[in-house]
Amino acid sequence: MVSQQSSRSRGRILAVIAVTTVLVVFWNIWSPVKPARANMSDAVLSALKVSVRQASSSPPKLTVSVANTHSSPVTVFVWNSPLDPLALQLGLLSFTPEGKDSPIDIPTIQVRRLMPPGDDAFVTIEPGQTEEREVLLKNPLVPLDQLQGKVKVVCKGEWKGVWASKKEDISAESLRDPGADGAVLTGNFESAPADIQL
């Protein structure tokens, strides 16, 4: 009889331990760490202000800018960002002529780049500073004959890697493979529409 009660007690203790373990595991999975990280991501990425302006009309040239309005330095992985020298070819810029409802079709390319990224693939933008790239609009890349007069331009895409720190504070491993870094921030960007005259 005693061994039967002892066996039941052990069974109850094991059941309590199992339930407690399951609760601890679920609590860790659903803990508020993820929302805090999401909030940090939102705060940093929303502080990167993307804009487009006309640099010249002859030759037609745009300036794409990323301003850091965050309180700390931000390092941007340039590939597929507004600062990518291939932003136009990658389809990050759209052009809507006045009177049209949708952007014109521009041929895009798919790029295979050598890994790991080089030093020039990362740009640190200090608080209150702006990084810019010029984009030349030329045929056949941009069908200029379809873009006469007033044109609305938008720069839109996805950040592939942003860190809330200076480049020198990011580990070499993270810079070699930004997508594998748990601290990297990713998300969408979109400039306000800019009117240019061609």
C-alpha atoms as a PDB file:
ATOM      1  CA  MET A   1       0.000   0.000   0.000  1.00  0.00           C
ATOM      2  CA  VAL A   2       2.842   2.385   0.935  1.00  0.00           C
ATOM      3  CA  SER A   3       4.679   1.697  -2.307  1.00  0.00           C
ATOM      4  CA  GLN A   4       1.465   2.335  -4.259  1.00  0.00           C
ATOM      5  CA  GLN A   5       1.062   5.762  -2.573  1.00  0.00           C
ATOM      6  CA  SER A   6       4.758   6.494  -3.096  1.00  0.00           C
ATOM      7  CA  SER A   7       4.364   5.614  -6.774  1.00  0.00           C
ATOM      8  CA  ARG A   8       1.348   7.927  -7.073  1.00  0.00           C
ATOM      9  CA  SER A   9       3.275  10.747  -5.339  1.00  0.00           C
ATOM     10  CA  ARG A  10       6.177  10.315  -7.727  1.00  0.00           C
ATOM     11  CA  GLY A  11       3.762  10.335 -10.657  1.00  0.00           C
ATOM     12  CA  ARG A  12       2.168  13.569  -9.421  1.00  0.00           C
ATOM     13  CA  ILE A  13       5.561  15.187  -8.877  1.00  0.00           C
ATOM     14  CA  LEU A  14       6.686  14.192 -12.374  1.00  0.00           C
ATOM     15  CA  ALA A  15       3.419  15.525 -13.821  1.00  0.00           C
ATOM     16  CA  VAL A  16       3.915  18.871 -12.006  1.00  0.00           C
ATOM     17  CA  ILE A  17       7.513  19.077 -13.250  1.00  0.00           C
ATOM     18  CA  ALA A  18       6.425  18.287 -16.824  1.00  0.00           C
ATOM     19  CA  VAL A  19       3.655  20.905 -16.748  1.00  0.00           C
ATOM     20  CA  THR A  20       6.028  23.482 -15.260  1.00  0.00           C
ATOM     21  CA  THR A  21       8.636  22.739 -17.931  1.00  0.00           C
ATOM     22  CA  VAL A  22       6.058  23.125 -20.698  1.00  0.00           C
ATOM     23  CA  LEU A  23       4.854  26.435 -19.216  1.00  0.00           C
ATOM     24  CA  VAL A  24       8.416  27.778 -18.950  1.00  0.00           C
ATOM     25  CA  VAL A  25       9.152  26.811 -22.564  1.00  0.00           C
ATOM     26  CA  PHE A  26       5.959  28.487 -23.828  1.00  0.00           C
ATOM     27  CA  TRP A  27       6.600  31.570 -21.715  1.00  0.00           C
ATOM     28  CA  ASN A  28      10.076  31.924 -23.239  1.00  0.00           C
ATOM     29  CA  ILE A  29       8.703  31.501 -26.750  1.00  0.00           C
ATOM     30  CA  TRP A  30       5.928  34.063 -26.277  1.00  0.00           C
ATOM     31  CA  SER A  31       7.861  36.438 -24.011  1.00  0.00           C
ATOM     32  CA  PRO A  32       7.866  40.195 -24.810  1.00  0.00           C
ATOM     33  CA  VAL A  33      11.415  40.095 -26.188  1.00  0.00           C
ATOM     34  CA  LYS A  34      10.129  39.806 -29.757  1.00  0.00           C
ATOM     35  CA  PRO A  35       7.802  42.825 -29.535  1.00  0.00           C
ATOM     36  CA  ALA A  36      10.663  44.829 -28.002  1.00  0.00           C
ATOM     37  CA  ARG A  37      12.893  43.849 -30.936  1.00  0.00           C
ATOM     38  CA  ALA A  38      10.083  44.690 -33.361  1.00  0.00           C
ATOM     39  CA  ASN A  39       9.683  48.086 -31.689  1.00  0.00           C
ATOM     40  CA  MET A  40      13.423  48.719 -31.996  1.00  0.00           C
ATOM     41  CA  SER A  41      13.321  47.678 -35.641  1.00  0.00           C
ATOM     42  CA  ASP A  42      10.386  50.007 -36.310  1.00  0.00           C
ATOM     43  CA  ALA A  43      12.084  52.899 -34.517  1.00  0.00           C
ATOM     44  CA  VAL A  44      15.380  52.545 -36.397  1.00  0.00           C
ATOM     45  CA  LEU A  45      13.963  51.784 -39.842  1.00  0.00           C
ATOM     46  CA  SER A  46      11.311  54.521 -39.656  1.00  0.00           C
ATOM     47  CA  ALA A  47      14.106  56.960 -38.757  1.00  0.00           C
ATOM     48  CA  LEU A  48      15.751  56.298 -42.136  1.00  0.00           C
ATOM     49  CA  LYS A  49      14.074  58.815 -44.438  1.00  0.00           C
ATOM     50  CA  VAL A  50      14.350  57.964 -48.130  1.00  0.00           C
ATOM     51  CA  SER A  51      13.835  60.771 -50.622  1.00  0.00           C
ATOM     52  CA  VAL A  52      14.263  61.449 -54.336  1.00  0.00           C
ATOM     53  CA  ARG A  53      14.867  64.777 -56.067  1.00  0.00           C
ATOM     54  CA  GLN A  54      15.832  65.931 -59.523  1.00  0.00           C
ATOM     55  CA  ALA A  55      19.537  66.736 -59.782  1.00  0.00           C
ATOM     56  CA  SER A  56      19.461  67.907 -63.397  1.00  0.00           C
ATOM     57  CA  SER A  57      17.247  67.779 -66.473  1.00  0.00           C
ATOM     58  CA  SER A  58      19.988  67.603 -69.102  1.00  0.00           C
ATOM     59  CA  PRO A  59      21.220  64.962 -68.771  1.00  0.00           C
ATOM     60  CA  PRO A  60      18.248  63.713 -66.716  1.00  0.00           C
ATOM     61  CA  LYS A  61      19.643  62.825 -63.319  1.00  0.00           C
ATOM     62  CA  LEU A  62      18.141  62.036 -59.900  1.00  0.00           C
ATOM     63  CA  THR A  63      19.579  62.182 -56.415  1.00  0.00           C
ATOM     64  CA  VAL A  64      18.402  59.445 -54.044  1.00  0.00           C
ATOM     65  CA  SER A  65      18.993  60.221 -50.364  1.00  0.00           C
ATOM     66  CA  VAL A  66      18.824  58.360 -47.073  1.00  0.00           C
ATOM     67  CA  ALA A  67      18.737  60.623 -44.004  1.00  0.00           C
ATOM     68  CA  ASN A  68      19.315  59.241 -40.511  1.00  0.00           C
ATOM     69  CA  THR A  69      16.917  60.937 -38.090  1.00  0.00           C
ATOM     70  CA  HIS A  70      17.631  58.366 -35.354  1.00  0.00           C
ATOM     71  CA  SER A  71      19.629  59.295 -32.257  1.00  0.00           C
ATOM     72  CA  SER A  72      22.383  56.767 -32.968  1.00  0.00           C
ATOM     73  CA  PRO A  73      24.566  55.941 -35.976  1.00  0.00           C
ATOM     74  CA  VAL A  74      23.011  53.503 -38.430  1.00  0.00           C
ATOM     75  CA  THR A  75      24.874  51.201 -40.806  1.00  0.00           C
ATOM     76  CA  VAL A  76      23.105  50.235 -44.016  1.00  0.00           C
ATOM     77  CA  PHE A  77      23.834  47.197 -46.170  1.00  0.00           C
ATOM     78  CA  VAL A  78      23.846  48.936 -49.562  1.00  0.00           C
ATOM     79  CA  TRP A  79      22.798  45.995 -51.753  1.00  0.00           C
ATOM     80  CA  ASN A  80      19.161  46.390 -52.902  1.00  0.00           C
ATOM     81  CA  SER A  81      18.833  49.603 -50.902  1.00  0.00           C
ATOM     82  CA  PRO A  82      18.211  53.152 -52.173  1.00  0.00           C
ATOM     83  CA  LEU A  83      22.002  53.607 -52.053  1.00  0.00           C
ATOM     84  CA  ASP A  84      22.695  50.681 -54.375  1.00  0.00           C
ATOM     85  CA  PRO A  85      24.420  51.862 -57.589  1.00  0.00           C
ATOM     86  CA  LEU A  86      22.082  49.416 -59.382  1.00  0.00           C
ATOM     87  CA  ALA A  87      18.889  50.758 -57.739  1.00  0.00           C
ATOM     88  CA  LEU A  88      17.398  51.705 -61.111  1.00  0.00           C
ATOM     89  CA  GLN A  89      18.210  48.363 -62.763  1.00  0.00           C
ATOM     90  CA  LEU A  90      16.842  46.467 -59.736  1.00  0.00           C
ATOM     91  CA  GLY A  91      13.456  48.152 -60.055  1.00  0.00           C
ATOM     92  CA  LEU A  92      13.639  50.222 -56.873  1.00  0.00           C
ATOM     93  CA  LEU A  93      12.624  53.384 -58.744  1.00  0.00           C
ATOM     94  CA  SER A  94       9.229  53.778 -60.382  1.00  0.00           C
ATOM     95  CA  PHE A  95       8.151  56.520 -62.809  1.00  0.00           C
ATOM     96  CA  THR A  96       4.531  57.600 -63.326  1.00  0.00           C
ATOM     97  CA  PRO A  97       3.929  60.209 -66.044  1.00  0.00           C
ATOM     98  CA  GLU A  98       1.402  62.942 -65.299  1.00  0.00           C
ATOM     99  CA  GLY A  99      -2.132  61.800 -66.165  1.00  0.00           C
ATOM    100  CA  LYS A 100      -1.293  58.086 -65.760  1.00  0.00           C
ATOM    101  CA  ASP A 101      -2.515  55.862 -62.917  1.00  0.00           C
ATOM    102  CA  SER A 102       0.393  53.438 -62.840  1.00  0.00           C
ATOM    103  CA  PRO A 103       4.164  53.523 -63.393  1.00  0.00           C
ATOM    104  CA  ILE A 104       5.671  52.719 -66.774  1.00  0.00           C
ATOM    105  CA  ASP A 105       7.356  49.355 -67.249  1.00  0.00           C
ATOM    106  CA  ILE A 106      11.106  49.445 -66.869  1.00  0.00           C
ATOM    107  CA  PRO A 107      13.193  46.344 -67.553  1.00  0.00           C
ATOM    108  CA  THR A 108      14.861  45.032 -64.401  1.00  0.00           C
ATOM    109  CA  ILE A 109      17.750  42.670 -63.857  1.00  0.00           C
ATOM    110  CA  GLN A 110      18.539  39.974 -61.340  1.00  0.00           C
ATOM    111  CA  VAL A 111      22.006  40.309 -59.872  1.00  0.00           C
ATOM    112  CA  ARG A 112      24.235  37.587 -58.479  1.00  0.00           C
ATOM    113  CA  ARG A 113      26.909  39.200 -56.363  1.00  0.00           C
ATOM    114  CA  LEU A 114      30.124  37.777 -55.019  1.00  0.00           C
ATOM    115  CA  MET A 115      30.039  36.927 -51.340  1.00  0.00           C
ATOM    116  CA  PRO A 116      31.198  38.057 -48.887  1.00  0.00           C
ATOM    117  CA  PRO A 117      30.256  41.702 -49.512  1.00  0.00           C
ATOM    118  CA  GLY A 118      33.152  44.150 -49.777  1.00  0.00           C
ATOM    119  CA  ASP A 119      33.735  47.151 -47.514  1.00  0.00           C
ATOM    120  CA  ASP A 120      31.898  49.430 -49.940  1.00  0.00           C
ATOM    121  CA  ALA A 121      28.697  47.402 -49.420  1.00  0.00           C
ATOM    122  CA  PHE A 122      28.180  49.053 -46.009  1.00  0.00           C
ATOM    123  CA  VAL A 123      27.607  52.724 -45.236  1.00  0.00           C
ATOM    124  CA  THR A 124      27.410  54.256 -41.765  1.00  0.00           C
ATOM    125  CA  ILE A 125      25.145  57.287 -41.519  1.00  0.00           C
ATOM    126  CA  GLU A 126      25.652  59.393 -38.401  1.00  0.00           C
ATOM    127  CA  PRO A 127      22.659  60.946 -36.603  1.00  0.00           C
ATOM    128  CA  GLY A 128      21.377  63.935 -38.560  1.00  0.00           C
ATOM    129  CA  GLN A 129      23.490  63.052 -41.611  1.00  0.00           C
ATOM    130  CA  THR A 130      22.431  62.084 -45.129  1.00  0.00           C
ATOM    131  CA  GLU A 131      23.971  59.701 -47.648  1.00  0.00           C
ATOM    132  CA  GLU A 132      23.230  60.277 -51.354  1.00  0.00           C
ATOM    133  CA  ARG A 133      23.617  58.532 -54.703  1.00  0.00           C
ATOM    134  CA  GLU A 134      23.103  59.977 -58.175  1.00  0.00           C
ATOM    135  CA  VAL A 135      21.091  58.046 -60.748  1.00  0.00           C
ATOM    136  CA  LEU A 136      21.457  58.865 -64.441  1.00  0.00           C
ATOM    137  CA  LEU A 137      18.314  58.276 -66.502  1.00  0.00           C
ATOM    138  CA  LYS A 138      19.215  57.120 -69.997  1.00  0.00           C
ATOM    139  CA  ASN A 139      17.900  54.988 -72.829  1.00  0.00           C
ATOM    140  CA  PRO A 140      17.428  52.054 -73.174  1.00  0.00           C
ATOM    141  CA  LEU A 141      17.286  51.533 -69.396  1.00  0.00           C
ATOM    142  CA  VAL A 142      14.617  54.194 -68.993  1.00  0.00           C
ATOM    143  CA  PRO A 143      12.301  54.826 -71.959  1.00  0.00           C
ATOM    144  CA  LEU A 144      12.680  58.621 -71.871  1.00  0.00           C
ATOM    145  CA  ASP A 145      10.247  59.057 -74.774  1.00  0.00           C
ATOM    146  CA  GLN A 146       7.491  57.885 -72.363  1.00  0.00           C
ATOM    147  CA  LEU A 147       8.573  60.345 -69.693  1.00  0.00           C
ATOM    148  CA  GLN A 148       7.910  63.758 -71.198  1.00  0.00           C
ATOM    149  CA  GLY A 149       6.780  66.590 -68.938  1.00  0.00           C
ATOM    150  CA  LYS A 150       5.942  66.103 -65.271  1.00  0.00           C
ATOM    151  CA  VAL A 151       6.786  62.668 -63.811  1.00  0.00           C
ATOM    152  CA  LYS A 152       6.217  61.251 -60.321  1.00  0.00           C
ATOM    153  CA  VAL A 153       9.137  59.202 -58.967  1.00  0.00           C
ATOM    154  CA  VAL A 154       9.094  56.835 -55.982  1.00  0.00           C
ATOM    155  CA  CYS A 155      11.910  54.776 -54.490  1.00  0.00           C
ATOM    156  CA  LYS A 156      10.515  51.633 -52.879  1.00  0.00           C
ATOM    157  CA  GLY A 157      11.922  48.319 -51.700  1.00  0.00           C
ATOM    158  CA  GLU A 158      13.172  46.359 -48.715  1.00  0.00           C
ATOM    159  CA  TRP A 159      16.146  46.969 -46.450  1.00  0.00           C
ATOM    160  CA  LYS A 160      18.255  43.793 -46.552  1.00  0.00           C
ATOM    161  CA  GLY A 161      20.346  44.816 -43.569  1.00  0.00           C
ATOM    162  CA  VAL A 162      20.434  47.731 -41.132  1.00  0.00           C
ATOM    163  CA  TRP A 163      22.286  47.923 -37.807  1.00  0.00           C
ATOM    164  CA  ALA A 164      21.809  50.566 -35.101  1.00  0.00           C
ATOM    165  CA  SER A 165      25.580  51.022 -34.761  1.00  0.00           C
ATOM    166  CA  LYS A 166      28.721  52.061 -36.601  1.00  0.00           C
ATOM    167  CA  LYS A 167      30.240  49.637 -39.084  1.00  0.00           C
ATOM    168  CA  GLU A 168      33.342  49.140 -36.938  1.00  0.00           C
ATOM    169  CA  ASP A 169      31.120  47.940 -34.074  1.00  0.00           C
ATOM    170  CA  ILE A 170      29.561  45.154 -36.180  1.00  0.00           C
ATOM    171  CA  SER A 171      31.259  41.756 -36.050  1.00  0.00           C
ATOM    172  CA  ALA A 172      33.203  40.602 -39.097  1.00  0.00           C
ATOM    173  CA  GLU A 173      30.986  37.512 -39.189  1.00  0.00           C
ATOM    174  CA  SER A 174      27.849  39.671 -39.480  1.00  0.00           C
ATOM    175  CA  LEU A 175      29.396  41.708 -42.285  1.00  0.00           C
ATOM    176  CA  ARG A 176      30.345  38.537 -44.151  1.00  0.00           C
ATOM    177  CA  ASP A 177      26.739  37.261 -44.050  1.00  0.00           C
ATOM    178  CA  PRO A 178      24.261  39.992 -43.053  1.00  0.00           C
ATOM    179  CA  GLY A 179      21.245  37.725 -43.533  1.00  0.00           C
ATOM    180  CA  ALA A 180      22.483  35.311 -40.849  1.00  0.00           C
ATOM    181  CA  ASP A 181      22.910  37.998 -38.177  1.00  0.00           C
ATOM    182  CA  GLY A 182      20.161  37.947 -35.550  1.00  0.00           C
ATOM    183  CA  ALA A 183      20.794  41.619 -34.735  1.00  0.00           C
ATOM    184  CA  VAL A 184      20.269  42.836 -38.297  1.00  0.00           C
ATOM    185  CA  LEU A 185      17.103  44.834 -38.954  1.00  0.00           C
ATOM    186  CA  THR A 186      15.089  44.350 -42.134  1.00  0.00           C
ATOM    187  CA  GLY A 187      11.911  45.942 -43.411  1.00  0.00           C
ATOM    188  CA  ASN A 188      10.344  48.015 -46.145  1.00  0.00           C
ATOM    189  CA  PHE A 189      11.224  51.520 -47.278  1.00  0.00           C
ATOM    190  CA  GLU A 190       9.338  53.939 -49.498  1.00  0.00           C
ATOM    191  CA  SER A 191      10.038  57.537 -50.385  1.00  0.00           C
ATOM    192  CA  ALA A 192       7.376  60.183 -50.711  1.00  0.00           C
ATOM    193  CA  PRO A 193       6.505  60.744 -54.381  1.00  0.00           C
ATOM    194  CA  ALA A 194       8.782  63.368 -55.959  1.00  0.00           C
ATOM    195  CA  ASP A 195       7.809  65.415 -59.006  1.00  0.00           C
ATOM    196  CA  ILE A 196      10.457  65.836 -61.671  1.00  0.00           C
ATOM    197  CA  GLN A 197      10.334  67.591 -65.032  1.00  0.00           C
ATOM    198  CA  LEU A 198      11.699  65.899 -68.154  1.00  0.00           C
END
